[in-house]
Amino acid sequence: MFDSTEFLKEAKAGLVTVEFMKIRDGGKRVMACTLNNDTAKSFGQEIPAVIEKQTKGNDQFVVWAVDKNAWRSFIANTVVSWYKGEPKQPEQSFIDAQAKLTDLNWDGQTSNTQHQE
C-alpha cells in the first residue's frame, strides 16, 4: 500500500524515486522526483503553492521529475514502490540517451563506423 503521508514528507525533504505502472501502456516507470524547493531551483523551477499543498488524500500526485526536467504526475493506486534517493537502476530511456551521446561526434553527427576506400 502506498503511504502518501510518508512519501510527501520525504519528497519535500529531497529526492525520492517512485516506481509505478503507466496508465497508457501498462509499462513500468521508474521516476526520480522531488517536491523540495532547493532541488527544484537547481533545475530552474520553484514548487508552486498548489503543488506544495498536496495532501495524503489525493488520488494523483504532481512532482518535479528530475530525469525529464519537467512536471509529471502519477496515480496513487498505480504505485508499485517508492524509496528515498536516486533510482537503483536507471530507466531504459536514460540508458538509451547516454548511449546515443557516446555515439555522436563533437558536431552532433552520428559517427560513421564504415571505412571508405
PDB file of N, CA and C in Angstrom:
ATOM      1  N   MET A   1       0.837  -1.181   0.000  1.00  0.00           N
ATOM      2  CA  MET A   1       0.000   0.000   0.000  1.00  0.00           C
ATOM      3  C   MET A   1       0.885   1.248   0.000  1.00  0.00           C
ATOM      4  N   PHE A   2       0.520   2.216  -0.795  1.00  0.00           N
ATOM      5  CA  PHE A   2       1.254   3.469  -0.937  1.00  0.00           C
ATOM      6  C   PHE A   2       0.994   4.372   0.266  1.00  0.00           C
ATOM      7  N   ASP A   3       2.056   4.678   1.012  1.00  0.00           N
ATOM      8  CA  ASP A   3       1.952   5.561   2.175  1.00  0.00           C
ATOM      9  C   ASP A   3       2.201   6.993   1.711  1.00  0.00           C
ATOM     10  N   SER A   4       1.138   7.687   1.322  1.00  0.00           N
ATOM     11  CA  SER A   4       1.282   9.017   0.743  1.00  0.00           C
ATOM     12  C   SER A   4       1.789  10.048   1.750  1.00  0.00           C
ATOM     13  N   THR A   5       1.467   9.895   3.014  1.00  0.00           N
ATOM     14  CA  THR A   5       1.939  10.833   4.028  1.00  0.00           C
ATOM     15  C   THR A   5       3.457  10.811   4.095  1.00  0.00           C
ATOM     16  N   GLU A   6       4.022   9.623   4.191  1.00  0.00           N
ATOM     17  CA  GLU A   6       5.482   9.479   4.260  1.00  0.00           C
ATOM     18  C   GLU A   6       6.135   9.894   2.946  1.00  0.00           C
ATOM     19  N   PHE A   7       5.506   9.531   1.827  1.00  0.00           N
ATOM     20  CA  PHE A   7       6.036   9.911   0.521  1.00  0.00           C
ATOM     21  C   PHE A   7       6.134  11.435   0.405  1.00  0.00           C
ATOM     22  N   LEU A   8       5.064  12.157   0.734  1.00  0.00           N
ATOM     23  CA  LEU A   8       5.067  13.616   0.639  1.00  0.00           C
ATOM     24  C   LEU A   8       6.123  14.228   1.552  1.00  0.00           C
ATOM     25  N   LYS A   9       6.258  13.690   2.729  1.00  0.00           N
ATOM     26  CA  LYS A   9       7.261  14.184   3.685  1.00  0.00           C
ATOM     27  C   LYS A   9       8.667  14.050   3.089  1.00  0.00           C
ATOM     28  N   GLU A  10       8.981  12.886   2.554  1.00  0.00           N
ATOM     29  CA  GLU A  10      10.312  12.646   2.003  1.00  0.00           C
ATOM     30  C   GLU A  10      10.543  13.409   0.697  1.00  0.00           C
ATOM     31  N   ALA A  11       9.514  13.531  -0.144  1.00  0.00           N
ATOM     32  CA  ALA A  11       9.652  14.271  -1.407  1.00  0.00           C
ATOM     33  C   ALA A  11       9.896  15.757  -1.128  1.00  0.00           C
ATOM     34  N   LYS A  12       9.302  16.282  -0.066  1.00  0.00           N
ATOM     35  CA  LYS A  12       9.531  17.679   0.306  1.00  0.00           C
ATOM     36  C   LYS A  12      10.913  17.872   0.919  1.00  0.00           C
ATOM     37  N   ALA A  13      11.474  16.791   1.462  1.00  0.00           N
ATOM     38  CA  ALA A  13      12.796  16.856   2.080  1.00  0.00           C
ATOM     39  C   ALA A  13      13.925  16.711   1.057  1.00  0.00           C
ATOM     40  N   GLY A  14      13.651  16.047  -0.072  1.00  0.00           N
ATOM     41  CA  GLY A  14      14.716  15.827  -1.048  1.00  0.00           C
ATOM     42  C   GLY A  14      14.263  14.965  -2.207  1.00  0.00           C
ATOM     43  N   LEU A  15      15.177  14.154  -2.704  1.00  0.00           N
ATOM     44  CA  LEU A  15      14.917  13.320  -3.867  1.00  0.00           C
ATOM     45  C   LEU A  15      14.341  11.964  -3.461  1.00  0.00           C
ATOM     46  N   VAL A  16      13.301  11.539  -4.177  1.00  0.00           N
ATOM     47  CA  VAL A  16      12.714  10.217  -3.989  1.00  0.00           C
ATOM     48  C   VAL A  16      12.554   9.563  -5.356  1.00  0.00           C
ATOM     49  N   THR A  17      12.408   8.259  -5.349  1.00  0.00           N
ATOM     50  CA  THR A  17      12.147   7.520  -6.576  1.00  0.00           C
ATOM     51  C   THR A  17      10.831   6.788  -6.422  1.00  0.00           C
ATOM     52  N   VAL A  18       9.976   6.936  -7.438  1.00  0.00           N
ATOM     53  CA  VAL A  18       8.673   6.276  -7.450  1.00  0.00           C
ATOM     54  C   VAL A  18       8.663   5.284  -8.606  1.00  0.00           C
ATOM     55  N   GLU A  19       8.263   4.060  -8.331  1.00  0.00           N
ATOM     56  CA  GLU A  19       8.069   3.053  -9.367  1.00  0.00           C
ATOM     57  C   GLU A  19       6.567   2.823  -9.478  1.00  0.00           C
ATOM     58  N   PHE A  20       6.026   3.050 -10.683  1.00  0.00           N
ATOM     59  CA  PHE A  20       4.589   2.898 -10.865  1.00  0.00           C
ATOM     60  C   PHE A  20       4.287   2.353 -12.253  1.00  0.00           C
ATOM     61  N   MET A  21       3.058   1.904 -12.429  1.00  0.00           N
ATOM     62  CA  MET A  21       2.609   1.377 -13.716  1.00  0.00           C
ATOM     63  C   MET A  21       1.939   2.512 -14.483  1.00  0.00           C
ATOM     64  N   LYS A  22       2.365   2.715 -15.726  1.00  0.00           N
ATOM     65  CA  LYS A  22       1.796   3.772 -16.553  1.00  0.00           C
ATOM     66  C   LYS A  22       0.392   3.377 -17.003  1.00  0.00           C
ATOM     67  N   ILE A  23      -0.506   4.333 -16.976  1.00  0.00           N
ATOM     68  CA  ILE A  23      -1.902   4.100 -17.356  1.00  0.00           C
ATOM     69  C   ILE A  23      -2.026   3.793 -18.843  1.00  0.00           C
ATOM     70  N   ARG A  24      -1.299   4.531 -19.677  1.00  0.00           N
ATOM     71  CA  ARG A  24      -1.452   4.402 -21.131  1.00  0.00           C
ATOM     72  C   ARG A  24      -1.090   3.035 -21.682  1.00  0.00           C
ATOM     73  N   ASP A  25       0.083   2.531 -21.300  1.00  0.00           N
ATOM     74  CA  ASP A  25       0.537   1.275 -21.909  1.00  0.00           C
ATOM     75  C   ASP A  25       0.832   0.166 -20.908  1.00  0.00           C
ATOM     76  N   GLY A  26       0.638   0.426 -19.619  1.00  0.00           N
ATOM     77  CA  GLY A  26       0.869  -0.590 -18.607  1.00  0.00           C
ATOM     78  C   GLY A  26       2.330  -0.845 -18.300  1.00  0.00           C
ATOM     79  N   GLY A  27       3.227  -0.078 -18.931  1.00  0.00           N
ATOM     80  CA  GLY A  27       4.654  -0.236 -18.674  1.00  0.00           C
ATOM     81  C   GLY A  27       5.044   0.309 -17.320  1.00  0.00           C
ATOM     82  N   LYS A  28       6.162  -0.160 -16.818  1.00  0.00           N
ATOM     83  CA  LYS A  28       6.649   0.300 -15.523  1.00  0.00           C
ATOM     84  C   LYS A  28       7.504   1.547 -15.722  1.00  0.00           C
ATOM     85  N   ARG A  29       7.291   2.535 -14.888  1.00  0.00           N
ATOM     86  CA  ARG A  29       8.073   3.775 -14.931  1.00  0.00           C
ATOM     87  C   ARG A  29       8.805   3.913 -13.618  1.00  0.00           C
ATOM     88  N   VAL A  30      10.088   4.212 -13.706  1.00  0.00           N
ATOM     89  CA  VAL A  30      10.923   4.486 -12.541  1.00  0.00           C
ATOM     90  C   VAL A  30      11.286   5.961 -12.630  1.00  0.00           C
ATOM     91  N   MET A  31      10.783   6.754 -11.676  1.00  0.00           N
ATOM     92  CA  MET A  31      10.923   8.200 -11.781  1.00  0.00           C
ATOM     93  C   MET A  31      11.573   8.796 -10.538  1.00  0.00           C
ATOM     94  N   ALA A  32      12.724   9.421 -10.740  1.00  0.00           N
ATOM     95  CA  ALA A  32      13.348  10.205  -9.683  1.00  0.00           C
ATOM     96  C   ALA A  32      12.639  11.549  -9.662  1.00  0.00           C
ATOM     97  N   CYS A  33      12.174  11.969  -8.492  1.00  0.00           N
ATOM     98  CA  CYS A  33      11.372  13.193  -8.426  1.00  0.00           C
ATOM     99  C   CYS A  33      11.542  13.881  -7.079  1.00  0.00           C
ATOM    100  N   THR A  34      10.986  15.091  -7.003  1.00  0.00           N
ATOM    101  CA  THR A  34      11.099  15.863  -5.774  1.00  0.00           C
ATOM    102  C   THR A  34       9.949  16.847  -5.635  1.00  0.00           C
ATOM    103  N   LEU A  35       9.738  17.280  -4.419  1.00  0.00           N
ATOM    104  CA  LEU A  35       8.884  18.420  -4.083  1.00  0.00           C
ATOM    105  C   LEU A  35       9.676  19.401  -3.231  1.00  0.00           C
ATOM    106  N   ASN A  36      10.998  19.256  -3.257  1.00  0.00           N
ATOM    107  CA  ASN A  36      11.897  20.086  -2.467  1.00  0.00           C
ATOM    108  C   ASN A  36      12.262  21.333  -3.263  1.00  0.00           C
ATOM    109  N   ASN A  37      12.005  22.512  -2.707  1.00  0.00           N
ATOM    110  CA  ASN A  37      12.255  23.759  -3.421  1.00  0.00           C
ATOM    111  C   ASN A  37      13.718  23.957  -3.792  1.00  0.00           C
ATOM    112  N   ASP A  38      14.644  23.617  -2.911  1.00  0.00           N
ATOM    113  CA  ASP A  38      16.064  23.793  -3.217  1.00  0.00           C
ATOM    114  C   ASP A  38      16.483  22.913  -4.391  1.00  0.00           C
ATOM    115  N   THR A  39      15.999  21.674  -4.407  1.00  0.00           N
ATOM    116  CA  THR A  39      16.317  20.771  -5.515  1.00  0.00           C
ATOM    117  C   THR A  39      15.680  21.268  -6.802  1.00  0.00           C
ATOM    118  N   ALA A  40      14.428  21.685  -6.731  1.00  0.00           N
ATOM    119  CA  ALA A  40      13.737  22.199  -7.914  1.00  0.00           C
ATOM    120  C   ALA A  40      14.420  23.450  -8.456  1.00  0.00           C
ATOM    121  N   LYS A  41      14.904  24.311  -7.570  1.00  0.00           N
ATOM    122  CA  LYS A  41      15.594  25.532  -8.003  1.00  0.00           C
ATOM    123  C   LYS A  41      16.861  25.204  -8.782  1.00  0.00           C
ATOM    124  N   SER A  42      17.505  24.104  -8.449  1.00  0.00           N
ATOM    125  CA  SER A  42      18.709  23.716  -9.196  1.00  0.00           C
ATOM    126  C   SER A  42      18.364  23.353 -10.642  1.00  0.00           C
ATOM    127  N   PHE A  43      17.086  23.106 -10.934  1.00  0.00           N
ATOM    128  CA  PHE A  43      16.606  22.836 -12.288  1.00  0.00           C
ATOM    129  C   PHE A  43      15.868  24.046 -12.860  1.00  0.00           C
ATOM    130  N   GLY A  44      15.986  25.195 -12.167  1.00  0.00           N
ATOM    131  CA  GLY A  44      15.343  26.416 -12.633  1.00  0.00           C
ATOM    132  C   GLY A  44      13.852  26.467 -12.363  1.00  0.00           C
ATOM    133  N   GLN A  45      13.380  25.713 -11.403  1.00  0.00           N
ATOM    134  CA  GLN A  45      11.949  25.662 -11.081  1.00  0.00           C
ATOM    135  C   GLN A  45      11.721  26.003  -9.616  1.00  0.00           C
ATOM    136  N   GLU A  46      10.509  26.385  -9.325  1.00  0.00           N
ATOM    137  CA  GLU A  46      10.061  26.519  -7.945  1.00  0.00           C
ATOM    138  C   GLU A  46       8.789  25.709  -7.800  1.00  0.00           C
ATOM    139  N   ILE A  47       8.570  25.169  -6.636  1.00  0.00           N
ATOM    140  CA  ILE A  47       7.372  24.371  -6.388  1.00  0.00           C
ATOM    141  C   ILE A  47       6.207  25.332  -6.165  1.00  0.00           C
ATOM    142  N   PRO A  48       5.209  25.350  -7.051  1.00  0.00           N
ATOM    143  CA  PRO A  48       4.044  26.227  -6.852  1.00  0.00           C
ATOM    144  C   PRO A  48       3.284  25.850  -5.575  1.00  0.00           C
ATOM    145  N   ALA A  49       2.672  26.830  -4.963  1.00  0.00           N
ATOM    146  CA  ALA A  49       1.955  26.615  -3.702  1.00  0.00           C
ATOM    147  C   ALA A  49       0.889  25.531  -3.825  1.00  0.00           C
ATOM    148  N   VAL A  50       0.184  25.491  -4.939  1.00  0.00           N
ATOM    149  CA  VAL A  50      -0.880  24.491  -5.109  1.00  0.00           C
ATOM    150  C   VAL A  50      -0.310  23.069  -5.115  1.00  0.00           C
ATOM    151  N   ILE A  51       0.887  22.898  -5.644  1.00  0.00           N
ATOM    152  CA  ILE A  51       1.522  21.573  -5.659  1.00  0.00           C
ATOM    153  C   ILE A  51       2.106  21.274  -4.282  1.00  0.00           C
ATOM    154  N   GLU A  52       2.672  22.288  -3.656  1.00  0.00           N
ATOM    155  CA  GLU A  52       3.258  22.114  -2.329  1.00  0.00           C
ATOM    156  C   GLU A  52       2.221  21.688  -1.298  1.00  0.00           C
ATOM    157  N   LYS A  53       0.958  22.064  -1.528  1.00  0.00           N
ATOM    158  CA  LYS A  53      -0.115  21.772  -0.580  1.00  0.00           C
ATOM    159  C   LYS A  53      -0.821  20.440  -0.846  1.00  0.00           C
ATOM    160  N   GLN A  54      -0.215  19.568  -1.654  1.00  0.00           N
ATOM    161  CA  GLN A  54      -0.829  18.264  -1.883  1.00  0.00           C
ATOM    162  C   GLN A  54      -0.973  17.538  -0.543  1.00  0.00           C
ATOM    163  N   THR A  55      -2.020  16.746  -0.416  1.00  0.00           N
ATOM    164  CA  THR A  55      -2.263  16.043   0.838  1.00  0.00           C
ATOM    165  C   THR A  55      -2.340  14.539   0.619  1.00  0.00           C
ATOM    166  N   LYS A  56      -2.304  13.827   1.724  1.00  0.00           N
ATOM    167  CA  LYS A  56      -2.351  12.365   1.662  1.00  0.00           C
ATOM    168  C   LYS A  56      -3.641  11.849   1.041  1.00  0.00           C
ATOM    169  N   GLY A  57      -4.690  12.648   1.019  1.00  0.00           N
ATOM    170  CA  GLY A  57      -5.966  12.221   0.470  1.00  0.00           C
ATOM    171  C   GLY A  57      -6.041  12.278  -1.056  1.00  0.00           C
ATOM    172  N   ASN A  58      -5.008  12.818  -1.696  1.00  0.00           N
ATOM    173  CA  ASN A  58      -5.015  12.920  -3.157  1.00  0.00           C
ATOM    174  C   ASN A  58      -4.970  11.545  -3.809  1.00  0.00           C
ATOM    175  N   ASP A  59      -5.641  11.428  -4.945  1.00  0.00           N
ATOM    176  CA  ASP A  59      -5.529  10.219  -5.771  1.00  0.00           C
ATOM    177  C   ASP A  59      -4.365  10.345  -6.731  1.00  0.00           C
ATOM    178  N   GLN A  60      -4.055  11.587  -7.110  1.00  0.00           N
ATOM    179  CA  GLN A  60      -2.998  11.855  -8.069  1.00  0.00           C
ATOM    180  C   GLN A  60      -1.994  12.813  -7.444  1.00  0.00           C
ATOM    181  N   PHE A  61      -0.706  12.597  -7.738  1.00  0.00           N
ATOM    182  CA  PHE A  61       0.347  13.436  -7.189  1.00  0.00           C
ATOM    183  C   PHE A  61       1.165  14.040  -8.315  1.00  0.00           C
ATOM    184  N   VAL A  62       1.471  15.324  -8.185  1.00  0.00           N
ATOM    185  CA  VAL A  62       2.288  16.048  -9.148  1.00  0.00           C
ATOM    186  C   VAL A  62       3.647  16.277  -8.512  1.00  0.00           C
ATOM    187  N   VAL A  63       4.708  15.964  -9.262  1.00  0.00           N
ATOM    188  CA  VAL A  63       6.077  16.082  -8.766  1.00  0.00           C
ATOM    189  C   VAL A  63       6.975  16.628  -9.876  1.00  0.00           C
ATOM    190  N   TRP A  64       8.151  17.115  -9.492  1.00  0.00           N
ATOM    191  CA  TRP A  64       9.155  17.517 -10.468  1.00  0.00           C
ATOM    192  C   TRP A  64      10.006  16.288 -10.776  1.00  0.00           C
ATOM    193  N   ALA A  65       9.927  15.816 -12.025  1.00  0.00           N
ATOM    194  CA  ALA A  65      10.697  14.638 -12.457  1.00  0.00           C
ATOM    195  C   ALA A  65      12.069  15.107 -12.922  1.00  0.00           C
ATOM    196  N   VAL A  66      13.096  14.745 -12.183  1.00  0.00           N
ATOM    197  CA  VAL A  66      14.437  15.249 -12.492  1.00  0.00           C
ATOM    198  C   VAL A  66      14.999  14.648 -13.783  1.00  0.00           C
ATOM    199  N   ASP A  67      14.597  13.439 -14.151  1.00  0.00           N
ATOM    200  CA  ASP A  67      15.104  12.826 -15.385  1.00  0.00           C
ATOM    201  C   ASP A  67      14.486  13.448 -16.633  1.00  0.00           C
ATOM    202  N   LYS A  68      13.296  13.998 -16.518  1.00  0.00           N
ATOM    203  CA  LYS A  68      12.608  14.636 -17.646  1.00  0.00           C
ATOM    204  C   LYS A  68      12.713  16.158 -17.587  1.00  0.00           C
ATOM    205  N   ASN A  69      13.189  16.687 -16.436  1.00  0.00           N
ATOM    206  CA  ASN A  69      13.279  18.124 -16.210  1.00  0.00           C
ATOM    207  C   ASN A  69      11.925  18.777 -16.491  1.00  0.00           C
ATOM    208  N   ALA A  70      10.881  18.163 -15.933  1.00  0.00           N
ATOM    209  CA  ALA A  70       9.516  18.624 -16.180  1.00  0.00           C
ATOM    210  C   ALA A  70       8.588  18.128 -15.077  1.00  0.00           C
ATOM    211  N   TRP A  71       7.411  18.763 -14.989  1.00  0.00           N
ATOM    212  CA  TRP A  71       6.377  18.316 -14.061  1.00  0.00           C
ATOM    213  C   TRP A  71       5.753  17.045 -14.598  1.00  0.00           C
ATOM    214  N   ARG A  72       5.567  16.067 -13.719  1.00  0.00           N
ATOM    215  CA  ARG A  72       4.924  14.805 -14.076  1.00  0.00           C
ATOM    216  C   ARG A  72       3.983  14.421 -12.942  1.00  0.00           C
ATOM    217  N   SER A  73       3.045  13.536 -13.257  1.00  0.00           N
ATOM    218  CA  SER A  73       2.111  13.079 -12.230  1.00  0.00           C
ATOM    219  C   SER A  73       1.970  11.566 -12.298  1.00  0.00           C
ATOM    220  N   PHE A  74       1.483  11.020 -11.213  1.00  0.00           N
ATOM    221  CA  PHE A  74       1.179   9.592 -11.151  1.00  0.00           C
ATOM    222  C   PHE A  74      -0.040   9.414 -10.260  1.00  0.00           C
ATOM    223  N   ILE A  75      -0.710   8.300 -10.431  1.00  0.00           N
ATOM    224  CA  ILE A  75      -1.904   7.988  -9.657  1.00  0.00           C
ATOM    225  C   ILE A  75      -1.508   7.043  -8.517  1.00  0.00           C
ATOM    226  N   ALA A  76      -1.982   7.347  -7.335  1.00  0.00           N
ATOM    227  CA  ALA A  76      -1.562   6.625  -6.125  1.00  0.00           C
ATOM    228  C   ALA A  76      -1.737   5.116  -6.238  1.00  0.00           C
ATOM    229  N   ASN A  77      -2.852   4.652  -6.809  1.00  0.00           N
ATOM    230  CA  ASN A  77      -3.081   3.199  -6.828  1.00  0.00           C
ATOM    231  C   ASN A  77      -2.271   2.467  -7.894  1.00  0.00           C
ATOM    232  N   THR A  78      -1.416   3.201  -8.657  1.00  0.00           N
ATOM    233  CA  THR A  78      -0.537   2.552  -9.629  1.00  0.00           C
ATOM    234  C   THR A  78       0.881   2.386  -9.094  1.00  0.00           C
ATOM    235  N   VAL A  79       1.147   2.903  -7.887  1.00  0.00           N
ATOM    236  CA  VAL A  79       2.495   2.851  -7.310  1.00  0.00           C
ATOM    237  C   VAL A  79       2.839   1.426  -6.890  1.00  0.00           C
ATOM    238  N   VAL A  80       3.972   0.944  -7.401  1.00  0.00           N
ATOM    239  CA  VAL A  80       4.490  -0.377  -7.038  1.00  0.00           C
ATOM    240  C   VAL A  80       5.350  -0.234  -5.787  1.00  0.00           C
ATOM    241  N   SER A  81       6.210   0.804  -5.787  1.00  0.00           N
ATOM    242  CA  SER A  81       7.056   1.081  -4.628  1.00  0.00           C
ATOM    243  C   SER A  81       7.633   2.484  -4.751  1.00  0.00           C
ATOM    244  N   TRP A  82       8.212   2.960  -3.664  1.00  0.00           N
ATOM    245  CA  TRP A  82       8.928   4.225  -3.685  1.00  0.00           C
ATOM    246  C   TRP A  82       9.991   4.153  -2.601  1.00  0.00           C
ATOM    247  N   TYR A  83      11.031   4.963  -2.756  1.00  0.00           N
ATOM    248  CA  TYR A  83      12.111   4.984  -1.774  1.00  0.00           C
ATOM    249  C   TYR A  83      12.863   6.308  -1.880  1.00  0.00           C
ATOM    250  N   LYS A  84      13.603   6.637  -0.828  1.00  0.00           N
ATOM    251  CA  LYS A  84      14.408   7.853  -0.809  1.00  0.00           C
ATOM    252  C   LYS A  84      15.605   7.667  -1.743  1.00  0.00           C
ATOM    253  N   GLY A  85      15.976   8.767  -2.414  1.00  0.00           N
ATOM    254  CA  GLY A  85      17.183   8.771  -3.226  1.00  0.00           C
ATOM    255  C   GLY A  85      16.948   8.487  -4.699  1.00  0.00           C
ATOM    256  N   GLU A  86      18.072   8.326  -5.397  1.00  0.00           N
ATOM    257  CA  GLU A  86      18.064   8.090  -6.839  1.00  0.00           C
ATOM    258  C   GLU A  86      17.615   6.678  -7.174  1.00  0.00           C
ATOM    259  N   PRO A  87      17.220   6.476  -8.436  1.00  0.00           N
ATOM    260  CA  PRO A  87      16.804   5.127  -8.845  1.00  0.00           C
ATOM    261  C   PRO A  87      17.930   4.110  -8.648  1.00  0.00           C
ATOM    262  N   LYS A  88      17.543   2.932  -8.210  1.00  0.00           N
ATOM    263  CA  LYS A  88      18.513   1.857  -8.027  1.00  0.00           C
ATOM    264  C   LYS A  88      19.020   1.368  -9.377  1.00  0.00           C
ATOM    265  N   GLN A  89      18.159   1.464 -10.383  1.00  0.00           N
ATOM    266  CA  GLN A  89      18.527   1.081 -11.741  1.00  0.00           C
ATOM    267  C   GLN A  89      17.953   2.136 -12.678  1.00  0.00           C
ATOM    268  N   PRO A  90      18.809   2.767 -13.510  1.00  0.00           N
ATOM    269  CA  PRO A  90      18.302   3.812 -14.399  1.00  0.00           C
ATOM    270  C   PRO A  90      17.261   3.278 -15.369  1.00  0.00           C
ATOM    271  N   GLU A  91      16.304   4.140 -15.723  1.00  0.00           N
ATOM    272  CA  GLU A  91      15.284   3.764 -16.697  1.00  0.00           C
ATOM    273  C   GLU A  91      15.932   3.620 -18.076  1.00  0.00           C
ATOM    274  N   GLN A  92      15.379   2.761 -18.910  1.00  0.00           N
ATOM    275  CA  GLN A  92      15.952   2.471 -20.219  1.00  0.00           C
ATOM    276  C   GLN A  92      16.105   3.722 -21.074  1.00  0.00           C
ATOM    277  N   SER A  93      15.174   4.672 -21.004  1.00  0.00           N
ATOM    278  CA  SER A  93      15.283   5.886 -21.818  1.00  0.00           C
ATOM    279  C   SER A  93      16.542   6.672 -21.454  1.00  0.00           C
ATOM    280  N   PHE A  94      16.922   6.663 -20.178  1.00  0.00           N
ATOM    281  CA  PHE A  94      18.146   7.329 -19.747  1.00  0.00           C
ATOM    282  C   PHE A  94      19.358   6.592 -20.300  1.00  0.00           C
ATOM    283  N   ILE A  95      19.337   5.277 -20.246  1.00  0.00           N
ATOM    284  CA  ILE A  95      20.442   4.469 -20.778  1.00  0.00           C
ATOM    285  C   ILE A  95      20.575   4.693 -22.283  1.00  0.00           C
ATOM    286  N   ASP A  96      19.447   4.707 -23.004  1.00  0.00           N
ATOM    287  CA  ASP A  96      19.470   4.931 -24.451  1.00  0.00           C
ATOM    288  C   ASP A  96      20.028   6.310 -24.784  1.00  0.00           C
ATOM    289  N   ALA A  97      19.629   7.322 -24.022  1.00  0.00           N
ATOM    290  CA  ALA A  97      20.111   8.678 -24.266  1.00  0.00           C
ATOM    291  C   ALA A  97      21.616   8.762 -24.055  1.00  0.00           C
ATOM    292  N   GLN A  98      22.109   8.116 -23.020  1.00  0.00           N
ATOM    293  CA  GLN A  98      23.549   8.116 -22.761  1.00  0.00           C
ATOM    294  C   GLN A  98      24.302   7.387 -23.869  1.00  0.00           C
ATOM    295  N   ALA A  99      23.744   6.269 -24.339  1.00  0.00           N
ATOM    296  CA  ALA A  99      24.381   5.506 -25.409  1.00  0.00           C
ATOM    297  C   ALA A  99      24.449   6.323 -26.685  1.00  0.00           C
ATOM    298  N   LYS A 100      23.392   7.057 -27.009  1.00  0.00           N
ATOM    299  CA  LYS A 100      23.374   7.892 -28.208  1.00  0.00           C
ATOM    300  C   LYS A 100      24.415   8.988 -28.101  1.00  0.00           C
ATOM    301  N   LEU A 101      24.544   9.595 -26.928  1.00  0.00           N
ATOM    302  CA  LEU A 101      25.531  10.652 -26.754  1.00  0.00           C
ATOM    303  C   LEU A 101      26.946  10.157 -26.994  1.00  0.00           C
ATOM    304  N   THR A 102      27.236   8.948 -26.584  1.00  0.00           N
ATOM    305  CA  THR A 102      28.589   8.430 -26.776  1.00  0.00           C
ATOM    306  C   THR A 102      28.835   8.022 -28.220  1.00  0.00           C
ATOM    307  N   ASP A 103      27.783   7.961 -29.033  1.00  0.00           N
ATOM    308  CA  ASP A 103      27.915   7.578 -30.434  1.00  0.00           C
ATOM    309  C   ASP A 103      27.880   8.799 -31.356  1.00  0.00           C
ATOM    310  N   LEU A 104      28.015  10.007 -30.787  1.00  0.00           N
ATOM    311  CA  LEU A 104      27.996  11.220 -31.590  1.00  0.00           C
ATOM    312  C   LEU A 104      29.383  11.842 -31.646  1.00  0.00           C
ATOM    313  N   ASN A 105      29.689  12.448 -32.767  1.00  0.00           N
ATOM    314  CA  ASN A 105      30.918  13.215 -32.900  1.00  0.00           C
ATOM    315  C   ASN A 105      30.732  14.559 -32.222  1.00  0.00           C
ATOM    316  N   TRP A 106      31.784  15.355 -32.142  1.00  0.00           N
ATOM    317  CA  TRP A 106      31.704  16.659 -31.485  1.00  0.00           C
ATOM    318  C   TRP A 106      30.675  17.569 -32.131  1.00  0.00           C
ATOM    319  N   ASP A 107      30.379  17.380 -33.442  1.00  0.00           N
ATOM    320  CA  ASP A 107      29.426  18.249 -34.134  1.00  0.00           C
ATOM    321  C   ASP A 107      27.988  17.731 -34.051  1.00  0.00           C
ATOM    322  N   GLY A 108      27.767  16.650 -33.307  1.00  0.00           N
ATOM    323  CA  GLY A 108      26.425  16.124 -33.133  1.00  0.00           C
ATOM    324  C   GLY A 108      25.999  15.136 -34.194  1.00  0.00           C
ATOM    325  N   GLN A 109      26.875  14.858 -35.161  1.00  0.00           N
ATOM    326  CA  GLN A 109      26.553  13.907 -36.211  1.00  0.00           C
ATOM    327  C   GLN A 109      26.903  12.492 -35.751  1.00  0.00           C
ATOM    328  N   THR A 110      26.100  11.521 -36.178  1.00  0.00           N
ATOM    329  CA  THR A 110      26.370  10.133 -35.826  1.00  0.00           C
ATOM    330  C   THR A 110      27.688   9.716 -36.447  1.00  0.00           C
ATOM    331  N   SER A 111      28.506   9.050 -35.657  1.00  0.00           N
ATOM    332  CA  SER A 111      29.791   8.610 -36.172  1.00  0.00           C
ATOM    333  C   SER A 111      29.628   7.576 -37.262  1.00  0.00           C
ATOM    334  N   ASN A 112      30.494   7.596 -38.234  1.00  0.00           N
ATOM    335  CA  ASN A 112      30.466   6.658 -39.342  1.00  0.00           C
ATOM    336  C   ASN A 112      31.485   5.569 -39.059  1.00  0.00           C
ATOM    337  N   THR A 113      31.025   4.377 -38.806  1.00  0.00           N
ATOM    338  CA  THR A 113      31.943   3.292 -38.444  1.00  0.00           C
ATOM    339  C   THR A 113      32.447   2.546 -39.667  1.00  0.00           C
ATOM    340  N   GLN A 114      31.916   2.856 -40.877  1.00  0.00           N
ATOM    341  CA  GLN A 114      32.378   2.200 -42.086  1.00  0.00           C
ATOM    342  C   GLN A 114      33.522   2.991 -42.667  1.00  0.00           C
ATOM    343  N   HIS A 115      34.522   2.288 -43.134  1.00  0.00           N
ATOM    344  CA  HIS A 115      35.684   2.936 -43.752  1.00  0.00           C
ATOM    345  C   HIS A 115      35.426   3.096 -45.243  1.00  0.00           C
ATOM    346  N   GLN A 116      35.707   4.270 -45.751  1.00  0.00           N
ATOM    347  CA  GLN A 116      35.568   4.487 -47.188  1.00  0.00           C
ATOM    348  C   GLN A 116      36.921   4.328 -47.826  1.00  0.00           C
ATOM    349  N   GLU A 117      36.969   3.670 -48.946  1.00  0.00           N
ATOM    350  CA  GLU A 117      38.233   3.426 -49.640  1.00  0.00           C
ATOM    351  C   GLU A 117      38.323   4.277 -50.868  1.00  0.00           C
TER     352      GLU A 117
END
